Amino acid sequence: MLAAVRATTPQIAGLPALPEMGRSRTARKAEPDAVAARLADILLQVAVESLARKCAGAARERPAERS
């Protein structure tokens, strides 16, 4: 560690301790609930549409570069 950096605990820093979290081998296999799945669909759709608009705008700005 650097001389000016030192490890600390939550108690020394004045922070509350975080609760322990159990590990689950099935956590990665869990399906998101309906609301989370719909939100993921919306975010993906917005990202795809935004990228398509940016690409279309870039193509209009540089038509001479296309072969």
PDB file of N, CA and C in Angstrom:
ATOM      1  N   MET A   1       0.834  -1.193   0.000  1.00  0.00           N
ATOM      2  CA  MET A   1       0.000   0.000   0.000  1.00  0.00           C
ATOM      3  C   MET A   1       0.872   1.247   0.000  1.00  0.00           C
ATOM      4  N   LEU A   2       0.308   2.304  -0.510  1.00  0.00           N
ATOM      5  CA  LEU A   2       1.010   3.579  -0.447  1.00  0.00           C
ATOM      6  C   LEU A   2       1.103   4.047   0.996  1.00  0.00           C
ATOM      7  N   ALA A   3       2.080   4.859   1.285  1.00  0.00           N
ATOM      8  CA  ALA A   3       2.281   5.319   2.664  1.00  0.00           C
ATOM      9  C   ALA A   3       1.086   6.123   3.177  1.00  0.00           C
ATOM     10  N   ALA A   4       0.425   6.873   2.304  1.00  0.00           N
ATOM     11  CA  ALA A   4      -0.690   7.721   2.736  1.00  0.00           C
ATOM     12  C   ALA A   4      -2.025   6.982   2.746  1.00  0.00           C
ATOM     13  N   VAL A   5      -2.037   5.732   2.291  1.00  0.00           N
ATOM     14  CA  VAL A   5      -3.276   4.963   2.221  1.00  0.00           C
ATOM     15  C   VAL A   5      -3.226   3.861   3.267  1.00  0.00           C
ATOM     16  N   ARG A   6      -4.335   3.708   3.991  1.00  0.00           N
ATOM     17  CA  ARG A   6      -4.380   2.636   4.974  1.00  0.00           C
ATOM     18  C   ARG A   6      -5.761   2.006   4.976  1.00  0.00           C
ATOM     19  N   ALA A   7      -5.797   0.745   5.280  1.00  0.00           N
ATOM     20  CA  ALA A   7      -7.058   0.022   5.346  1.00  0.00           C
ATOM     21  C   ALA A   7      -7.811   0.449   6.588  1.00  0.00           C
ATOM     22  N   THR A   8      -9.111   0.407   6.519  1.00  0.00           N
ATOM     23  CA  THR A   8      -9.921   0.762   7.670  1.00  0.00           C
ATOM     24  C   THR A   8     -11.120  -0.169   7.747  1.00  0.00           C
ATOM     25  N   THR A   9     -11.795  -0.157   8.846  1.00  0.00           N
ATOM     26  CA  THR A   9     -13.002  -0.955   9.014  1.00  0.00           C
ATOM     27  C   THR A   9     -14.200  -0.009   9.003  1.00  0.00           C
ATOM     28  N   PRO A  10     -15.381  -0.546   8.777  1.00  0.00           N
ATOM     29  CA  PRO A  10     -16.561   0.328   8.808  1.00  0.00           C
ATOM     30  C   PRO A  10     -16.720   1.054  10.143  1.00  0.00           C
ATOM     31  N   GLN A  11     -16.345   0.377  11.233  1.00  0.00           N
ATOM     32  CA  GLN A  11     -16.495   0.997  12.550  1.00  0.00           C
ATOM     33  C   GLN A  11     -15.562   2.202  12.692  1.00  0.00           C
ATOM     34  N   ILE A  12     -14.325   2.084  12.221  1.00  0.00           N
ATOM     35  CA  ILE A  12     -13.381   3.196  12.302  1.00  0.00           C
ATOM     36  C   ILE A  12     -13.845   4.351  11.426  1.00  0.00           C
ATOM     37  N   ALA A  13     -14.393   4.033  10.255  1.00  0.00           N
ATOM     38  CA  ALA A  13     -14.856   5.073   9.333  1.00  0.00           C
ATOM     39  C   ALA A  13     -16.201   5.655   9.748  1.00  0.00           C
ATOM     40  N   GLY A  14     -16.848   5.073  10.737  1.00  0.00           N
ATOM     41  CA  GLY A  14     -18.144   5.571  11.203  1.00  0.00           C
ATOM     42  C   GLY A  14     -19.309   5.077  10.355  1.00  0.00           C
ATOM     43  N   LEU A  15     -19.108   4.000   9.622  1.00  0.00           N
ATOM     44  CA  LEU A  15     -20.164   3.450   8.776  1.00  0.00           C
ATOM     45  C   LEU A  15     -20.790   2.240   9.455  1.00  0.00           C
ATOM     46  N   PRO A  16     -22.059   1.995   9.176  1.00  0.00           N
ATOM     47  CA  PRO A  16     -22.671   0.795   9.743  1.00  0.00           C
ATOM     48  C   PRO A  16     -22.133  -0.443   9.038  1.00  0.00           C
ATOM     49  N   ALA A  17     -22.089  -1.541   9.741  1.00  0.00           N
ATOM     50  CA  ALA A  17     -21.641  -2.801   9.149  1.00  0.00           C
ATOM     51  C   ALA A  17     -22.689  -3.298   8.167  1.00  0.00           C
ATOM     52  N   LEU A  18     -22.232  -3.893   7.080  1.00  0.00           N
ATOM     53  CA  LEU A  18     -23.153  -4.462   6.102  1.00  0.00           C
ATOM     54  C   LEU A  18     -23.568  -5.857   6.541  1.00  0.00           C
ATOM     55  N   PRO A  19     -24.796  -6.251   6.230  1.00  0.00           N
ATOM     56  CA  PRO A  19     -25.220  -7.603   6.600  1.00  0.00           C
ATOM     57  C   PRO A  19     -24.497  -8.632   5.756  1.00  0.00           C
ATOM     58  N   GLU A  20     -24.358  -9.836   6.300  1.00  0.00           N
ATOM     59  CA  GLU A  20     -23.746 -10.933   5.562  1.00  0.00           C
ATOM     60  C   GLU A  20     -24.714 -11.393   4.473  1.00  0.00           C
ATOM     61  N   MET A  21     -24.164 -11.747   3.341  1.00  0.00           N
ATOM     62  CA  MET A  21     -24.994 -12.250   2.241  1.00  0.00           C
ATOM     63  C   MET A  21     -24.590 -13.693   1.957  1.00  0.00           C
ATOM     64  N   GLY A  22     -25.548 -14.551   1.938  1.00  0.00           N
ATOM     65  CA  GLY A  22     -25.267 -15.943   1.631  1.00  0.00           C
ATOM     66  C   GLY A  22     -25.031 -16.121   0.137  1.00  0.00           C
ATOM     67  N   ARG A  23     -24.242 -17.107  -0.205  1.00  0.00           N
ATOM     68  CA  ARG A  23     -24.000 -17.409  -1.612  1.00  0.00           C
ATOM     69  C   ARG A  23     -24.988 -18.463  -2.073  1.00  0.00           C
ATOM     70  N   SER A  24     -25.388 -18.322  -3.296  1.00  0.00           N
ATOM     71  CA  SER A  24     -26.308 -19.287  -3.862  1.00  0.00           C
ATOM     72  C   SER A  24     -25.769 -19.755  -5.210  1.00  0.00           C
ATOM     73  N   ARG A  25     -25.700 -21.039  -5.386  1.00  0.00           N
ATOM     74  CA  ARG A  25     -25.214 -21.571  -6.663  1.00  0.00           C
ATOM     75  C   ARG A  25     -26.243 -21.381  -7.758  1.00  0.00           C
ATOM     76  N   THR A  26     -27.481 -21.143  -7.398  1.00  0.00           N
ATOM     77  CA  THR A  26     -28.535 -20.989  -8.399  1.00  0.00           C
ATOM     78  C   THR A  26     -28.786 -19.530  -8.736  1.00  0.00           C
ATOM     79  N   ALA A  27     -28.058 -18.618  -8.127  1.00  0.00           N
ATOM     80  CA  ALA A  27     -28.321 -17.197  -8.355  1.00  0.00           C
ATOM     81  C   ALA A  27     -28.175 -16.825  -9.819  1.00  0.00           C
ATOM     82  N   ARG A  28     -27.188 -17.388 -10.509  1.00  0.00           N
ATOM     83  CA  ARG A  28     -26.982 -17.055 -11.918  1.00  0.00           C
ATOM     84  C   ARG A  28     -28.062 -17.645 -12.812  1.00  0.00           C
ATOM     85  N   LYS A  29     -28.719 -18.673 -12.341  1.00  0.00           N
ATOM     86  CA  LYS A  29     -29.752 -19.325 -13.136  1.00  0.00           C
ATOM     87  C   LYS A  29     -31.133 -18.720 -12.891  1.00  0.00           C
ATOM     88  N   ALA A  30     -31.229 -17.866 -11.899  1.00  0.00           N
ATOM     89  CA  ALA A  30     -32.525 -17.307 -11.544  1.00  0.00           C
ATOM     90  C   ALA A  30     -33.040 -16.411 -12.660  1.00  0.00           C
ATOM     91  N   GLU A  31     -34.301 -16.502 -12.929  1.00  0.00           N
ATOM     92  CA  GLU A  31     -34.947 -15.658 -13.934  1.00  0.00           C
ATOM     93  C   GLU A  31     -35.381 -14.349 -13.271  1.00  0.00           C
ATOM     94  N   PRO A  32     -35.211 -13.218 -13.992  1.00  0.00           N
ATOM     95  CA  PRO A  32     -35.680 -11.957 -13.417  1.00  0.00           C
ATOM     96  C   PRO A  32     -37.203 -11.946 -13.347  1.00  0.00           C
ATOM     97  N   ASP A  33     -37.738 -11.177 -12.413  1.00  0.00           N
ATOM     98  CA  ASP A  33     -39.192 -11.093 -12.353  1.00  0.00           C
ATOM     99  C   ASP A  33     -39.692 -10.338 -13.587  1.00  0.00           C
ATOM    100  N   ALA A  34     -40.983 -10.312 -13.782  1.00  0.00           N
ATOM    101  CA  ALA A  34     -41.571  -9.739 -14.995  1.00  0.00           C
ATOM    102  C   ALA A  34     -41.214  -8.263 -15.175  1.00  0.00           C
ATOM    103  N   VAL A  35     -41.204  -7.509 -14.093  1.00  0.00           N
ATOM    104  CA  VAL A  35     -40.893  -6.079 -14.182  1.00  0.00           C
ATOM    105  C   VAL A  35     -39.441  -5.871 -14.598  1.00  0.00           C
ATOM    106  N   ALA A  36     -38.527  -6.621 -13.998  1.00  0.00           N
ATOM    107  CA  ALA A  36     -37.112  -6.490 -14.348  1.00  0.00           C
ATOM    108  C   ALA A  36     -36.866  -6.932 -15.790  1.00  0.00           C
ATOM    109  N   ALA A  37     -37.538  -7.987 -16.227  1.00  0.00           N
ATOM    110  CA  ALA A  37     -37.381  -8.453 -17.601  1.00  0.00           C
ATOM    111  C   ALA A  37     -37.906  -7.415 -18.585  1.00  0.00           C
ATOM    112  N   ARG A  38     -39.029  -6.805 -18.279  1.00  0.00           N
ATOM    113  CA  ARG A  38     -39.590  -5.767 -19.165  1.00  0.00           C
ATOM    114  C   ARG A  38     -38.676  -4.557 -19.201  1.00  0.00           C
ATOM    115  N   LEU A  39     -38.139  -4.155 -18.062  1.00  0.00           N
ATOM    116  CA  LEU A  39     -37.212  -3.023 -18.021  1.00  0.00           C
ATOM    117  C   LEU A  39     -35.978  -3.324 -18.868  1.00  0.00           C
ATOM    118  N   ALA A  40     -35.462  -4.530 -18.787  1.00  0.00           N
ATOM    119  CA  ALA A  40     -34.309  -4.923 -19.603  1.00  0.00           C
ATOM    120  C   ALA A  40     -34.654  -4.828 -21.084  1.00  0.00           C
ATOM    121  N   ASP A  41     -35.850  -5.267 -21.467  1.00  0.00           N
ATOM    122  CA  ASP A  41     -36.285  -5.169 -22.865  1.00  0.00           C
ATOM    123  C   ASP A  41     -36.359  -3.719 -23.323  1.00  0.00           C
ATOM    124  N   ILE A  42     -36.914  -2.853 -22.483  1.00  0.00           N
ATOM    125  CA  ILE A  42     -37.039  -1.435 -22.827  1.00  0.00           C
ATOM    126  C   ILE A  42     -35.665  -0.795 -22.983  1.00  0.00           C
ATOM    127  N   LEU A  43     -34.767  -1.057 -22.046  1.00  0.00           N
ATOM    128  CA  LEU A  43     -33.423  -0.482 -22.120  1.00  0.00           C
ATOM    129  C   LEU A  43     -32.675  -0.966 -23.351  1.00  0.00           C
ATOM    130  N   LEU A  44     -32.811  -2.240 -23.677  1.00  0.00           N
ATOM    131  CA  LEU A  44     -32.161  -2.769 -24.872  1.00  0.00           C
ATOM    132  C   LEU A  44     -32.731  -2.113 -26.128  1.00  0.00           C
ATOM    133  N   GLN A  45     -34.044  -1.966 -26.189  1.00  0.00           N
ATOM    134  CA  GLN A  45     -34.683  -1.337 -27.347  1.00  0.00           C
ATOM    135  C   GLN A  45     -34.220   0.107 -27.510  1.00  0.00           C
ATOM    136  N   VAL A  46     -34.162   0.856 -26.426  1.00  0.00           N
ATOM    137  CA  VAL A  46     -33.704   2.243 -26.474  1.00  0.00           C
ATOM    138  C   VAL A  46     -32.251   2.318 -26.935  1.00  0.00           C
ATOM    139  N   ALA A  47     -31.417   1.419 -26.436  1.00  0.00           N
ATOM    140  CA  ALA A  47     -30.007   1.421 -26.833  1.00  0.00           C
ATOM    141  C   ALA A  47     -29.859   1.115 -28.318  1.00  0.00           C
ATOM    142  N   VAL A  48     -30.596   0.141 -28.820  1.00  0.00           N
ATOM    143  CA  VAL A  48     -30.526  -0.220 -30.237  1.00  0.00           C
ATOM    144  C   VAL A  48     -31.010   0.937 -31.103  1.00  0.00           C
ATOM    145  N   GLU A  49     -32.126   1.563 -30.726  1.00  0.00           N
ATOM    146  CA  GLU A  49     -32.654   2.683 -31.504  1.00  0.00           C
ATOM    147  C   GLU A  49     -31.706   3.870 -31.480  1.00  0.00           C
ATOM    148  N   SER A  50     -31.101   4.129 -30.341  1.00  0.00           N
ATOM    149  CA  SER A  50     -30.155   5.241 -30.231  1.00  0.00           C
ATOM    150  C   SER A  50     -28.940   4.995 -31.106  1.00  0.00           C
ATOM    151  N   LEU A  51     -28.416   3.789 -31.089  1.00  0.00           N
ATOM    152  CA  LEU A  51     -27.269   3.443 -31.923  1.00  0.00           C
ATOM    153  C   LEU A  51     -27.626   3.556 -33.402  1.00  0.00           C
ATOM    154  N   ALA A  52     -28.817   3.117 -33.773  1.00  0.00           N
ATOM    155  CA  ALA A  52     -29.251   3.203 -35.169  1.00  0.00           C
ATOM    156  C   ALA A  52     -29.336   4.664 -35.615  1.00  0.00           C
ATOM    157  N   ARG A  53     -29.864   5.536 -34.751  1.00  0.00           N
ATOM    158  CA  ARG A  53     -29.937   6.971 -35.096  1.00  0.00           C
ATOM    159  C   ARG A  53     -28.555   7.563 -35.249  1.00  0.00           C
ATOM    160  N   LYS A  54     -27.641   7.218 -34.365  1.00  0.00           N
ATOM    161  CA  LYS A  54     -26.275   7.746 -34.456  1.00  0.00           C
ATOM    162  C   LYS A  54     -25.585   7.268 -35.725  1.00  0.00           C
ATOM    163  N   CYS A  55     -25.772   6.006 -36.073  1.00  0.00           N
ATOM    164  CA  CYS A  55     -25.154   5.474 -37.289  1.00  0.00           C
ATOM    165  C   CYS A  55     -25.756   6.126 -38.528  1.00  0.00           C
ATOM    166  N   ALA A  56     -27.061   6.330 -38.530  1.00  0.00           N
ATOM    167  CA  ALA A  56     -27.716   6.972 -39.665  1.00  0.00           C
ATOM    168  C   ALA A  56     -27.239   8.411 -39.802  1.00  0.00           C
ATOM    169  N   GLY A  57     -27.076   9.105 -38.681  1.00  0.00           N
ATOM    170  CA  GLY A  57     -26.584  10.479 -38.708  1.00  0.00           C
ATOM    171  C   GLY A  57     -25.162  10.548 -39.218  1.00  0.00           C
ATOM    172  N   ALA A  58     -24.338   9.612 -38.813  1.00  0.00           N
ATOM    173  CA  ALA A  58     -22.949   9.588 -39.265  1.00  0.00           C
ATOM    174  C   ALA A  58     -22.887   9.293 -40.760  1.00  0.00           C
ATOM    175  N   ALA A  59     -23.763   8.429 -41.246  1.00  0.00           N
ATOM    176  CA  ALA A  59     -23.772   8.086 -42.672  1.00  0.00           C
ATOM    177  C   ALA A  59     -24.199   9.300 -43.508  1.00  0.00           C
ATOM    178  N   ARG A  60     -25.133  10.099 -43.001  1.00  0.00           N
ATOM    179  CA  ARG A  60     -25.579  11.291 -43.734  1.00  0.00           C
ATOM    180  C   ARG A  60     -24.483  12.358 -43.762  1.00  0.00           C
ATOM    181  N   GLU A  61     -23.681  12.418 -42.689  1.00  0.00           N
ATOM    182  CA  GLU A  61     -22.625  13.424 -42.616  1.00  0.00           C
ATOM    183  C   GLU A  61     -21.465  13.104 -43.531  1.00  0.00           C
ATOM    184  N   ARG A  62     -21.216  11.824 -43.836  1.00  0.00           N
ATOM    185  CA  ARG A  62     -20.064  11.429 -44.642  1.00  0.00           C
ATOM    186  C   ARG A  62     -20.457  10.550 -45.821  1.00  0.00           C
ATOM    187  N   PRO A  63     -21.331  10.993 -46.698  1.00  0.00           N
ATOM    188  CA  PRO A  63     -21.742  10.122 -47.807  1.00  0.00           C
ATOM    189  C   PRO A  63     -20.626   9.873 -48.812  1.00  0.00           C
ATOM    190  N   ALA A  64     -19.642  10.752 -48.949  1.00  0.00           N
ATOM    191  CA  ALA A  64     -18.578  10.584 -49.941  1.00  0.00           C
ATOM    192  C   ALA A  64     -17.621   9.461 -49.546  1.00  0.00           C
ATOM    193  N   GLU A  65     -17.575   9.097 -48.287  1.00  0.00           N
ATOM    194  CA  GLU A  65     -16.657   8.058 -47.825  1.00  0.00           C
ATOM    195  C   GLU A  65     -17.183   6.659 -48.142  1.00  0.00           C
ATOM    196  N   ARG A  66     -18.442   6.530 -48.462  1.00  0.00           N
ATOM    197  CA  ARG A  66     -19.007   5.220 -48.751  1.00  0.00           C
ATOM    198  C   ARG A  66     -18.594   4.748 -50.129  1.00  0.00           C
ATOM    199  N   SER A  67     -18.382   3.476 -50.292  1.00  0.00           N
ATOM    200  CA  SER A  67     -17.994   2.912 -51.597  1.00  0.00           C
ATOM    201  C   SER A  67     -19.143   2.170 -52.201  1.00  0.00           C
TER     202      SER A  67
END
